[in-house]
Each structure stands twice: as structure tokens, then as C-alpha cells.
Amino acid sequence: MESVRNMASERPVVIFSKSSCCMCHTIRTLFAEFGVNPAVHELDQIPAGREVEQALLRLGCSPAVPAVFIGGELVGGTNEVMSLHLNRSLIPMLKRAGAIWV
């Protein structure tokens, strides 16, 4: 779990994803539209992917992907990110984390 926390702190926005997950693609696209350059960890393409996925589940991510961290803090998955976006809280959060400047 410590490795997940370390990975989650490497950039202002970190996304744990799987290359075959359509909702992961949607979240990556949303952040790209905002001009965010997140660190993306594709769990199906890294050696420790299963262990990372289990750690995300223990942190409360259900399903484990996509899991979005902003400013080193777990935001959640698709539902949480989209809810923040719809209630206009996501962009201010990204600005505070230093992920965007506009």
C-alpha cells in the first residue's frame, strides 16, 4: 500500500487504469481536455499491477480502476470524478494541486 501512496504522489494528478477499461479511457480523456498531464499507471501493463490493484481495493476503490489521486489524495473513481466535474469542484481542485494554471 505504501508503494501506491508513493506512486500517487509523483505528479499533481495520478490515474491508476487498465488499458482495456472504457471508463479509464473516459477519465484520461476528461483530464486531457483540461490540459492536465497526469501520471497514468496501466495496471495490466506493469509487473506489480495485481498488487497495486489489491492495494487500491484496500484503500476503498471499488472497482479498483480508474482510481484518481489529485494532490496525493484519493479522489475516487469515475463516479466521484464526474460528480466533482458536474458540481464545478474539479477544476478548482486541479488548480490547487498545481495540475492546471488557467
PDB file of N, CA and C in Angstrom:
ATOM      1  N   MET A   1       0.832  -1.192   0.000  1.00  0.00           N
ATOM      2  CA  MET A   1       0.000   0.000   0.000  1.00  0.00           C
ATOM      3  C   MET A   1       0.879   1.259   0.000  1.00  0.00           C
ATOM      4  N   GLU A   2       2.046   1.156   0.621  1.00  0.00           N
ATOM      5  CA  GLU A   2       2.959   2.294   0.639  1.00  0.00           C
ATOM      6  C   GLU A   2       3.421   2.649  -0.769  1.00  0.00           C
ATOM      7  N   SER A   3       3.623   1.625  -1.617  1.00  0.00           N
ATOM      8  CA  SER A   3       4.046   1.905  -2.986  1.00  0.00           C
ATOM      9  C   SER A   3       2.954   2.658  -3.749  1.00  0.00           C
ATOM     10  N   VAL A   4       1.693   2.371  -3.465  1.00  0.00           N
ATOM     11  CA  VAL A   4       0.587   3.101  -4.100  1.00  0.00           C
ATOM     12  C   VAL A   4       0.629   4.555  -3.668  1.00  0.00           C
ATOM     13  N   ARG A   5       0.852   4.795  -2.408  1.00  0.00           N
ATOM     14  CA  ARG A   5       0.924   6.182  -1.917  1.00  0.00           C
ATOM     15  C   ARG A   5       2.105   6.922  -2.551  1.00  0.00           C
ATOM     16  N   ASN A   6       3.234   6.247  -2.699  1.00  0.00           N
ATOM     17  CA  ASN A   6       4.392   6.869  -3.348  1.00  0.00           C
ATOM     18  C   ASN A   6       4.082   7.177  -4.810  1.00  0.00           C
ATOM     19  N   MET A   7       3.482   6.220  -5.520  1.00  0.00           N
ATOM     20  CA  MET A   7       3.127   6.422  -6.924  1.00  0.00           C
ATOM     21  C   MET A   7       2.115   7.559  -7.055  1.00  0.00           C
ATOM     22  N   ALA A   8       1.182   7.642  -6.101  1.00  0.00           N
ATOM     23  CA  ALA A   8       0.118   8.646  -6.149  1.00  0.00           C
ATOM     24  C   ALA A   8       0.636  10.050  -5.903  1.00  0.00           C
ATOM     25  N   SER A   9       1.851  10.174  -5.401  1.00  0.00           N
ATOM     26  CA  SER A   9       2.412  11.490  -5.103  1.00  0.00           C
ATOM     27  C   SER A   9       3.410  11.972  -6.149  1.00  0.00           C
ATOM     28  N   GLU A  10       3.618  11.206  -7.215  1.00  0.00           N
ATOM     29  CA  GLU A  10       4.670  11.576  -8.161  1.00  0.00           C
ATOM     30  C   GLU A  10       4.314  12.751  -9.061  1.00  0.00           C
ATOM     31  N   ARG A  11       3.031  13.052  -9.230  1.00  0.00           N
ATOM     32  CA  ARG A  11       2.587  14.213 -10.015  1.00  0.00           C
ATOM     33  C   ARG A  11       1.323  14.764  -9.370  1.00  0.00           C
ATOM     34  N   PRO A  12       0.903  15.981  -9.773  1.00  0.00           N
ATOM     35  CA  PRO A  12      -0.327  16.535  -9.194  1.00  0.00           C
ATOM     36  C   PRO A  12      -1.559  15.654  -9.439  1.00  0.00           C
ATOM     37  N   VAL A  13      -1.605  14.962 -10.592  1.00  0.00           N
ATOM     38  CA  VAL A  13      -2.719  14.046 -10.876  1.00  0.00           C
ATOM     39  C   VAL A  13      -2.128  12.701 -11.276  1.00  0.00           C
ATOM     40  N   VAL A  14      -2.605  11.660 -10.613  1.00  0.00           N
ATOM     41  CA  VAL A  14      -2.171  10.296 -10.909  1.00  0.00           C
ATOM     42  C   VAL A  14      -3.415   9.453 -11.120  1.00  0.00           C
ATOM     43  N   ILE A  15      -3.412   8.685 -12.213  1.00  0.00           N
ATOM     44  CA  ILE A  15      -4.545   7.820 -12.537  1.00  0.00           C
ATOM     45  C   ILE A  15      -4.048   6.388 -12.614  1.00  0.00           C
ATOM     46  N   PHE A  16      -4.688   5.517 -11.857  1.00  0.00           N
ATOM     47  CA  PHE A  16      -4.450   4.080 -11.965  1.00  0.00           C
ATOM     48  C   PHE A  16      -5.534   3.544 -12.882  1.00  0.00           C
ATOM     49  N   SER A  17      -5.119   2.812 -13.898  1.00  0.00           N
ATOM     50  CA  SER A  17      -6.002   2.483 -15.007  1.00  0.00           C
ATOM     51  C   SER A  17      -5.713   1.076 -15.514  1.00  0.00           C
ATOM     52  N   LYS A  18      -6.536   0.622 -16.438  1.00  0.00           N
ATOM     53  CA  LYS A  18      -6.264  -0.571 -17.234  1.00  0.00           C
ATOM     54  C   LYS A  18      -6.498  -0.195 -18.685  1.00  0.00           C
ATOM     55  N   SER A  19      -5.639  -0.677 -19.553  1.00  0.00           N
ATOM     56  CA  SER A  19      -5.697  -0.271 -20.960  1.00  0.00           C
ATOM     57  C   SER A  19      -6.987  -0.684 -21.647  1.00  0.00           C
ATOM     58  N   SER A  20      -7.657  -1.707 -21.146  1.00  0.00           N
ATOM     59  CA  SER A  20      -8.891  -2.186 -21.781  1.00  0.00           C
ATOM     60  C   SER A  20     -10.165  -1.613 -21.152  1.00  0.00           C
ATOM     61  N   CYS A  21     -10.027  -0.729 -20.181  1.00  0.00           N
ATOM     62  CA  CYS A  21     -11.181  -0.204 -19.435  1.00  0.00           C
ATOM     63  C   CYS A  21     -11.716   1.067 -20.096  1.00  0.00           C
ATOM     64  N   CYS A  22     -12.976   1.013 -20.540  1.00  0.00           N
ATOM     65  CA  CYS A  22     -13.562   2.166 -21.230  1.00  0.00           C
ATOM     66  C   CYS A  22     -13.757   3.354 -20.286  1.00  0.00           C
ATOM     67  N   MET A  23     -14.070   3.114 -19.025  1.00  0.00           N
ATOM     68  CA  MET A  23     -14.248   4.227 -18.089  1.00  0.00           C
ATOM     69  C   MET A  23     -12.897   4.876 -17.760  1.00  0.00           C
ATOM     70  N   CYS A  24     -11.843   4.073 -17.753  1.00  0.00           N
ATOM     71  CA  CYS A  24     -10.499   4.625 -17.560  1.00  0.00           C
ATOM     72  C   CYS A  24     -10.158   5.558 -18.713  1.00  0.00           C
ATOM     73  N   HIS A  25     -10.491   5.133 -19.915  1.00  0.00           N
ATOM     74  CA  HIS A  25     -10.247   5.963 -21.098  1.00  0.00           C
ATOM     75  C   HIS A  25     -11.026   7.282 -20.989  1.00  0.00           C
ATOM     76  N   THR A  26     -12.248   7.208 -20.525  1.00  0.00           N
ATOM     77  CA  THR A  26     -13.084   8.400 -20.366  1.00  0.00           C
ATOM     78  C   THR A  26     -12.451   9.385 -19.379  1.00  0.00           C
ATOM     79  N   ILE A  27     -11.957   8.875 -18.270  1.00  0.00           N
ATOM     80  CA  ILE A  27     -11.341   9.741 -17.258  1.00  0.00           C
ATOM     81  C   ILE A  27     -10.045  10.348 -17.793  1.00  0.00           C
ATOM     82  N   ARG A  28      -9.228   9.552 -18.466  1.00  0.00           N
ATOM     83  CA  ARG A  28      -7.991  10.086 -19.056  1.00  0.00           C
ATOM     84  C   ARG A  28      -8.313  11.183 -20.071  1.00  0.00           C
ATOM     85  N   THR A  29      -9.353  10.965 -20.871  1.00  0.00           N
ATOM     86  CA  THR A  29      -9.757  11.955 -21.875  1.00  0.00           C
ATOM     87  C   THR A  29     -10.245  13.240 -21.212  1.00  0.00           C
ATOM     88  N   LEU A  30     -11.021  13.129 -20.150  1.00  0.00           N
ATOM     89  CA  LEU A  30     -11.515  14.303 -19.432  1.00  0.00           C
ATOM     90  C   LEU A  30     -10.346  15.156 -18.952  1.00  0.00           C
ATOM     91  N   PHE A  31      -9.369  14.532 -18.327  1.00  0.00           N
ATOM     92  CA  PHE A  31      -8.225  15.289 -17.826  1.00  0.00           C
ATOM     93  C   PHE A  31      -7.404  15.879 -18.970  1.00  0.00           C
ATOM     94  N   ALA A  32      -7.276  15.163 -20.055  1.00  0.00           N
ATOM     95  CA  ALA A  32      -6.557  15.684 -21.228  1.00  0.00           C
ATOM     96  C   ALA A  32      -7.254  16.920 -21.778  1.00  0.00           C
ATOM     97  N   GLU A  33      -8.591  16.922 -21.780  1.00  0.00           N
ATOM     98  CA  GLU A  33      -9.359  18.080 -22.257  1.00  0.00           C
ATOM     99  C   GLU A  33      -9.083  19.322 -21.413  1.00  0.00           C
ATOM    100  N   PHE A  34      -8.776  19.115 -20.129  1.00  0.00           N
ATOM    101  CA  PHE A  34      -8.457  20.232 -19.236  1.00  0.00           C
ATOM    102  C   PHE A  34      -7.009  20.673 -19.370  1.00  0.00           C
ATOM    103  N   GLY A  35      -6.201  19.917 -20.112  1.00  0.00           N
ATOM    104  CA  GLY A  35      -4.783  20.231 -20.242  1.00  0.00           C
ATOM    105  C   GLY A  35      -3.927  19.643 -19.136  1.00  0.00           C
ATOM    106  N   VAL A  36      -4.477  18.687 -18.412  1.00  0.00           N
ATOM    107  CA  VAL A  36      -3.741  18.029 -17.337  1.00  0.00           C
ATOM    108  C   VAL A  36      -2.854  16.943 -17.945  1.00  0.00           C
ATOM    109  N   ASN A  37      -1.648  16.821 -17.433  1.00  0.00           N
ATOM    110  CA  ASN A  37      -0.725  15.781 -17.868  1.00  0.00           C
ATOM    111  C   ASN A  37      -0.500  14.824 -16.692  1.00  0.00           C
ATOM    112  N   PRO A  38      -1.425  13.890 -16.480  1.00  0.00           N
ATOM    113  CA  PRO A  38      -1.322  13.022 -15.314  1.00  0.00           C
ATOM    114  C   PRO A  38      -0.291  11.921 -15.514  1.00  0.00           C
ATOM    115  N   ALA A  39       0.166  11.369 -14.406  1.00  0.00           N
ATOM    116  CA  ALA A  39       0.904  10.108 -14.458  1.00  0.00           C
ATOM    117  C   ALA A  39      -0.170   9.031 -14.553  1.00  0.00           C
ATOM    118  N   VAL A  40      -0.051   8.154 -15.526  1.00  0.00           N
ATOM    119  CA  VAL A  40      -1.029   7.080 -15.711  1.00  0.00           C
ATOM    120  C   VAL A  40      -0.317   5.754 -15.540  1.00  0.00           C
ATOM    121  N   HIS A  41      -0.802   4.951 -14.615  1.00  0.00           N
ATOM    122  CA  HIS A  41      -0.253   3.619 -14.376  1.00  0.00           C
ATOM    123  C   HIS A  41      -1.264   2.592 -14.875  1.00  0.00           C
ATOM    124  N   GLU A  42      -0.919   1.934 -15.970  1.00  0.00           N
ATOM    125  CA  GLU A  42      -1.778   0.889 -16.544  1.00  0.00           C
ATOM    126  C   GLU A  42      -1.488  -0.412 -15.816  1.00  0.00           C
ATOM    127  N   LEU A  43      -2.389  -0.817 -14.939  1.00  0.00           N
ATOM    128  CA  LEU A  43      -2.139  -1.962 -14.073  1.00  0.00           C
ATOM    129  C   LEU A  43      -2.001  -3.274 -14.833  1.00  0.00           C
ATOM    130  N   ASP A  44      -2.561  -3.340 -16.031  1.00  0.00           N
ATOM    131  CA  ASP A  44      -2.423  -4.567 -16.814  1.00  0.00           C
ATOM    132  C   ASP A  44      -1.120  -4.579 -17.618  1.00  0.00           C
ATOM    133  N   GLN A  45      -0.306  -3.546 -17.458  1.00  0.00           N
ATOM    134  CA  GLN A  45       0.947  -3.474 -18.218  1.00  0.00           C
ATOM    135  C   GLN A  45       2.177  -3.295 -17.341  1.00  0.00           C
ATOM    136  N   ILE A  46       2.006  -3.280 -16.028  1.00  0.00           N
ATOM    137  CA  ILE A  46       3.168  -3.162 -15.138  1.00  0.00           C
ATOM    138  C   ILE A  46       3.312  -4.452 -14.335  1.00  0.00           C
ATOM    139  N   PRO A  47       4.551  -4.822 -13.987  1.00  0.00           N
ATOM    140  CA  PRO A  47       4.784  -6.097 -13.294  1.00  0.00           C
ATOM    141  C   PRO A  47       4.027  -6.246 -11.973  1.00  0.00           C
ATOM    142  N   ALA A  48       3.927  -5.193 -11.199  1.00  0.00           N
ATOM    143  CA  ALA A  48       3.264  -5.273  -9.890  1.00  0.00           C
ATOM    144  C   ALA A  48       1.794  -4.873  -9.965  1.00  0.00           C
ATOM    145  N   GLY A  49       1.204  -4.944 -11.144  1.00  0.00           N
ATOM    146  CA  GLY A  49      -0.166  -4.483 -11.340  1.00  0.00           C
ATOM    147  C   GLY A  49      -1.188  -5.114 -10.423  1.00  0.00           C
ATOM    148  N   ARG A  50      -1.099  -6.417 -10.227  1.00  0.00           N
ATOM    149  CA  ARG A  50      -2.078  -7.099  -9.349  1.00  0.00           C
ATOM    150  C   ARG A  50      -1.967  -6.626  -7.910  1.00  0.00           C
ATOM    151  N   GLU A  51      -0.733  -6.451  -7.442  1.00  0.00           N
ATOM    152  CA  GLU A  51      -0.528  -5.986  -6.067  1.00  0.00           C
ATOM    153  C   GLU A  51      -1.052  -4.567  -5.897  1.00  0.00           C
ATOM    154  N   VAL A  52      -0.800  -3.726  -6.879  1.00  0.00           N
ATOM    155  CA  VAL A  52      -1.302  -2.351  -6.834  1.00  0.00           C
ATOM    156  C   VAL A  52      -2.828  -2.359  -6.836  1.00  0.00           C
ATOM    157  N   GLU A  53      -3.421  -3.193  -7.679  1.00  0.00           N
ATOM    158  CA  GLU A  53      -4.880  -3.285  -7.733  1.00  0.00           C
ATOM    159  C   GLU A  53      -5.456  -3.715  -6.382  1.00  0.00           C
ATOM    160  N   GLN A  54      -4.833  -4.681  -5.736  1.00  0.00           N
ATOM    161  CA  GLN A  54      -5.294  -5.122  -4.417  1.00  0.00           C
ATOM    162  C   GLN A  54      -5.162  -4.004  -3.384  1.00  0.00           C
ATOM    163  N   ALA A  55      -4.071  -3.254  -3.454  1.00  0.00           N
ATOM    164  CA  ALA A  55      -3.882  -2.133  -2.527  1.00  0.00           C
ATOM    165  C   ALA A  55      -4.944  -1.059  -2.744  1.00  0.00           C
ATOM    166  N   LEU A  56      -5.293  -0.789  -4.009  1.00  0.00           N
ATOM    167  CA  LEU A  56      -6.350   0.196  -4.294  1.00  0.00           C
ATOM    168  C   LEU A  56      -7.682  -0.263  -3.731  1.00  0.00           C
ATOM    169  N   LEU A  57      -7.970  -1.553  -3.842  1.00  0.00           N
ATOM    170  CA  LEU A  57      -9.206  -2.083  -3.259  1.00  0.00           C
ATOM    171  C   LEU A  57      -9.206  -1.898  -1.746  1.00  0.00           C
ATOM    172  N   ARG A  58      -8.066  -2.129  -1.104  1.00  0.00           N
ATOM    173  CA  ARG A  58      -7.969  -1.947   0.352  1.00  0.00           C
ATOM    174  C   ARG A  58      -8.140  -0.477   0.745  1.00  0.00           C
ATOM    175  N   LEU A  59      -7.754   0.430  -0.154  1.00  0.00           N
ATOM    176  CA  LEU A  59      -7.940   1.868   0.122  1.00  0.00           C
ATOM    177  C   LEU A  59      -9.393   2.304  -0.048  1.00  0.00           C
ATOM    178  N   GLY A  60     -10.228   1.429  -0.601  1.00  0.00           N
ATOM    179  CA  GLY A  60     -11.635   1.755  -0.761  1.00  0.00           C
ATOM    180  C   GLY A  60     -12.078   1.991  -2.185  1.00  0.00           C
ATOM    181  N   CYS A  61     -11.191   1.792  -3.155  1.00  0.00           N
ATOM    182  CA  CYS A  61     -11.568   1.952  -4.561  1.00  0.00           C
ATOM    183  C   CYS A  61     -12.323   0.704  -4.994  1.00  0.00           C
ATOM    184  N   SER A  62     -13.553   0.879  -5.359  1.00  0.00           N
ATOM    185  CA  SER A  62     -14.341  -0.264  -5.820  1.00  0.00           C
ATOM    186  C   SER A  62     -15.241   0.200  -6.953  1.00  0.00           C
ATOM    187  N   PRO A  63     -14.947  -0.189  -8.174  1.00  0.00           N
ATOM    188  CA  PRO A  63     -13.857  -1.051  -8.628  1.00  0.00           C
ATOM    189  C   PRO A  63     -12.503  -0.361  -8.462  1.00  0.00           C
ATOM    190  N   ALA A  64     -11.445  -1.147  -8.605  1.00  0.00           N
ATOM    191  CA  ALA A  64     -10.091  -0.630  -8.361  1.00  0.00           C
ATOM    192  C   ALA A  64      -9.664   0.413  -9.384  1.00  0.00           C
ATOM    193  N   VAL A  65     -10.182   0.319 -10.603  1.00  0.00           N
ATOM    194  CA  VAL A  65      -9.816   1.288 -11.645  1.00  0.00           C
ATOM    195  C   VAL A  65     -11.057   1.836 -12.312  1.00  0.00           C
ATOM    196  N   PRO A  66     -11.054   3.064 -12.767  1.00  0.00           N
ATOM    197  CA  PRO A  66      -9.970   4.010 -12.572  1.00  0.00           C
ATOM    198  C   PRO A  66      -9.929   4.512 -11.129  1.00  0.00           C
ATOM    199  N   ALA A  67      -8.733   4.782 -10.658  1.00  0.00           N
ATOM    200  CA  ALA A  67      -8.544   5.393  -9.343  1.00  0.00           C
ATOM    201  C   ALA A  67      -7.756   6.675  -9.576  1.00  0.00           C
ATOM    202  N   VAL A  68      -8.311   7.797  -9.145  1.00  0.00           N
ATOM    203  CA  VAL A  68      -7.717   9.106  -9.402  1.00  0.00           C
ATOM    204  C   VAL A  68      -7.244   9.724  -8.089  1.00  0.00           C
ATOM    205  N   PHE A  69      -5.997  10.160  -8.115  1.00  0.00           N
ATOM    206  CA  PHE A  69      -5.413  10.881  -6.991  1.00  0.00           C
ATOM    207  C   PHE A  69      -5.095  12.285  -7.476  1.00  0.00           C
ATOM    208  N   ILE A  70      -5.495  13.277  -6.704  1.00  0.00           N
ATOM    209  CA  ILE A  70      -5.187  14.674  -7.010  1.00  0.00           C
ATOM    210  C   ILE A  70      -4.476  15.251  -5.789  1.00  0.00           C
ATOM    211  N   GLY A  71      -3.292  15.805  -6.029  1.00  0.00           N
ATOM    212  CA  GLY A  71      -2.509  16.328  -4.913  1.00  0.00           C
ATOM    213  C   GLY A  71      -2.138  15.263  -3.905  1.00  0.00           C
ATOM    214  N   GLY A  72      -1.966  14.034  -4.371  1.00  0.00           N
ATOM    215  CA  GLY A  72      -1.591  12.929  -3.494  1.00  0.00           C
ATOM    216  C   GLY A  72      -2.730  12.318  -2.714  1.00  0.00           C
ATOM    217  N   GLU A  73      -3.929  12.868  -2.852  1.00  0.00           N
ATOM    218  CA  GLU A  73      -5.098  12.379  -2.119  1.00  0.00           C
ATOM    219  C   GLU A  73      -6.024  11.603  -3.042  1.00  0.00           C
ATOM    220  N   LEU A  74      -6.557  10.505  -2.541  1.00  0.00           N
ATOM    221  CA  LEU A  74      -7.504   9.710  -3.319  1.00  0.00           C
ATOM    222  C   LEU A  74      -8.803  10.480  -3.506  1.00  0.00           C
ATOM    223  N   VAL A  75      -9.169  10.712  -4.770  1.00  0.00           N
ATOM    224  CA  VAL A  75     -10.448  11.344  -5.092  1.00  0.00           C
ATOM    225  C   VAL A  75     -11.501  10.263  -5.285  1.00  0.00           C
ATOM    226  N   GLY A  76     -11.130   9.200  -5.968  1.00  0.00           N
ATOM    227  CA  GLY A  76     -12.048   8.094  -6.206  1.00  0.00           C
ATOM    228  C   GLY A  76     -12.017   7.664  -7.654  1.00  0.00           C
ATOM    229  N   GLY A  77     -13.120   7.079  -8.069  1.00  0.00           N
ATOM    230  CA  GLY A  77     -13.241   6.565  -9.423  1.00  0.00           C
ATOM    231  C   GLY A  77     -14.072   7.465 -10.309  1.00  0.00           C
ATOM    232  N   THR A  78     -14.650   6.865 -11.308  1.00  0.00           N
ATOM    233  CA  THR A  78     -15.415   7.607 -12.312  1.00  0.00           C
ATOM    234  C   THR A  78     -16.550   8.406 -11.691  1.00  0.00           C
ATOM    235  N   ASN A  79     -17.338   7.790 -10.836  1.00  0.00           N
ATOM    236  CA  ASN A  79     -18.491   8.487 -10.245  1.00  0.00           C
ATOM    237  C   ASN A  79     -18.072   9.725  -9.467  1.00  0.00           C
ATOM    238  N   GLU A  80     -17.017   9.589  -8.663  1.00  0.00           N
ATOM    239  CA  GLU A  80     -16.576  10.711  -7.845  1.00  0.00           C
ATOM    240  C   GLU A  80     -16.012  11.835  -8.719  1.00  0.00           C
ATOM    241  N   VAL A  81     -15.197  11.473  -9.704  1.00  0.00           N
ATOM    242  CA  VAL A  81     -14.603  12.492 -10.581  1.00  0.00           C
ATOM    243  C   VAL A  81     -15.689  13.214 -11.369  1.00  0.00           C
ATOM    244  N   MET A  82     -16.633  12.476 -11.915  1.00  0.00           N
ATOM    245  CA  MET A  82     -17.695  13.106 -12.696  1.00  0.00           C
ATOM    246  C   MET A  82     -18.598  13.962 -11.811  1.00  0.00           C
ATOM    247  N   SER A  83     -18.856  13.538 -10.601  1.00  0.00           N
ATOM    248  CA  SER A  83     -19.651  14.354  -9.674  1.00  0.00           C
ATOM    249  C   SER A  83     -18.941  15.670  -9.363  1.00  0.00           C
ATOM    250  N   LEU A  84     -17.624  15.600  -9.126  1.00  0.00           N
ATOM    251  CA  LEU A  84     -16.857  16.827  -8.894  1.00  0.00           C
ATOM    252  C   LEU A  84     -16.911  17.740 -10.113  1.00  0.00           C
ATOM    253  N   HIS A  85     -16.808  17.145 -11.286  1.00  0.00           N
ATOM    254  CA  HIS A  85     -16.847  17.932 -12.517  1.00  0.00           C
ATOM    255  C   HIS A  85     -18.211  18.610 -12.684  1.00  0.00           C
ATOM    256  N   LEU A  86     -19.273  17.860 -12.471  1.00  0.00           N
ATOM    257  CA  LEU A  86     -20.621  18.405 -12.668  1.00  0.00           C
ATOM    258  C   LEU A  86     -20.979  19.479 -11.644  1.00  0.00           C
ATOM    259  N   ASN A  87     -20.435  19.373 -10.437  1.00  0.00           N
ATOM    260  CA  ASN A  87     -20.742  20.427  -9.459  1.00  0.00           C
ATOM    261  C   ASN A  87     -19.662  21.511  -9.419  1.00  0.00           C
ATOM    262  N   ARG A  88     -18.806  21.508 -10.470  1.00  0.00           N
ATOM    263  CA  ARG A  88     -17.804  22.554 -10.697  1.00  0.00           C
ATOM    264  C   ARG A  88     -16.745  22.640  -9.609  1.00  0.00           C
ATOM    265  N   SER A  89     -16.435  21.514  -9.005  1.00  0.00           N
ATOM    266  CA  SER A  89     -15.391  21.477  -7.978  1.00  0.00           C
ATOM    267  C   SER A  89     -14.078  20.917  -8.503  1.00  0.00           C
ATOM    268  N   LEU A  90     -14.112  20.236  -9.642  1.00  0.00           N
ATOM    269  CA  LEU A  90     -12.921  19.556 -10.139  1.00  0.00           C
ATOM    270  C   LEU A  90     -11.837  20.540 -10.584  1.00  0.00           C
ATOM    271  N   ILE A  91     -12.195  21.541 -11.365  1.00  0.00           N
ATOM    272  CA  ILE A  91     -11.193  22.495 -11.879  1.00  0.00           C
ATOM    273  C   ILE A  91     -10.510  23.241 -10.728  1.00  0.00           C
ATOM    274  N   PRO A  92     -11.247  23.768  -9.738  1.00  0.00           N
ATOM    275  CA  PRO A  92     -10.561  24.411  -8.611  1.00  0.00           C
ATOM    276  C   PRO A  92      -9.622  23.446  -7.871  1.00  0.00           C
ATOM    277  N   MET A  93     -10.019  22.192  -7.748  1.00  0.00           N
ATOM    278  CA  MET A  93      -9.176  21.199  -7.095  1.00  0.00           C
ATOM    279  C   MET A  93      -7.885  20.981  -7.893  1.00  0.00           C
ATOM    280  N   LEU A  94      -8.018  20.926  -9.223  1.00  0.00           N
ATOM    281  CA  LEU A  94      -6.849  20.759 -10.092  1.00  0.00           C
ATOM    282  C   LEU A  94      -5.929  21.970 -10.010  1.00  0.00           C
ATOM    283  N   LYS A  95      -6.500  23.160  -9.911  1.00  0.00           N
ATOM    284  CA  LYS A  95      -5.702  24.388  -9.776  1.00  0.00           C
ATOM    285  C   LYS A  95      -4.947  24.376  -8.446  1.00  0.00           C
ATOM    286  N   ARG A  96      -5.604  24.018  -7.365  1.00  0.00           N
ATOM    287  CA  ARG A  96      -4.951  23.971  -6.059  1.00  0.00           C
ATOM    288  C   ARG A  96      -3.789  22.973  -6.046  1.00  0.00           C
ATOM    289  N   ALA A  97      -3.944  21.874  -6.780  1.00  0.00           N
ATOM    290  CA  ALA A  97      -2.895  20.849  -6.822  1.00  0.00           C
ATOM    291  C   ALA A  97      -1.761  21.225  -7.764  1.00  0.00           C
ATOM    292  N   GLY A  98      -1.948  22.281  -8.545  1.00  0.00           N
ATOM    293  CA  GLY A  98      -0.917  22.697  -9.493  1.00  0.00           C
ATOM    294  C   GLY A  98      -0.930  21.911 -10.793  1.00  0.00           C
ATOM    295  N   ALA A  99      -2.046  21.279 -11.086  1.00  0.00           N
ATOM    296  CA  ALA A  99      -2.167  20.480 -12.321  1.00  0.00           C
ATOM    297  C   ALA A  99      -2.524  21.345 -13.519  1.00  0.00           C
ATOM    298  N   ILE A 100      -3.214  22.456 -13.269  1.00  0.00           N
ATOM    299  CA  ILE A 100      -3.553  23.416 -14.315  1.00  0.00           C
ATOM    300  C   ILE A 100      -3.384  24.814 -13.750  1.00  0.00           C
ATOM    301  N   TRP A 101      -3.215  25.782 -14.640  1.00  0.00           N
ATOM    302  CA  TRP A 101      -2.978  27.160 -14.191  1.00  0.00           C
ATOM    303  C   TRP A 101      -4.049  28.117 -14.663  1.00  0.00           C
ATOM    304  N   VAL A 102      -4.863  27.730 -15.607  1.00  0.00           N
ATOM    305  CA  VAL A 102      -5.848  28.642 -16.197  1.00  0.00           C
ATOM    306  C   VAL A 102      -7.094  28.678 -15.351  1.00  0.00           C
TER     307      VAL A 102
END
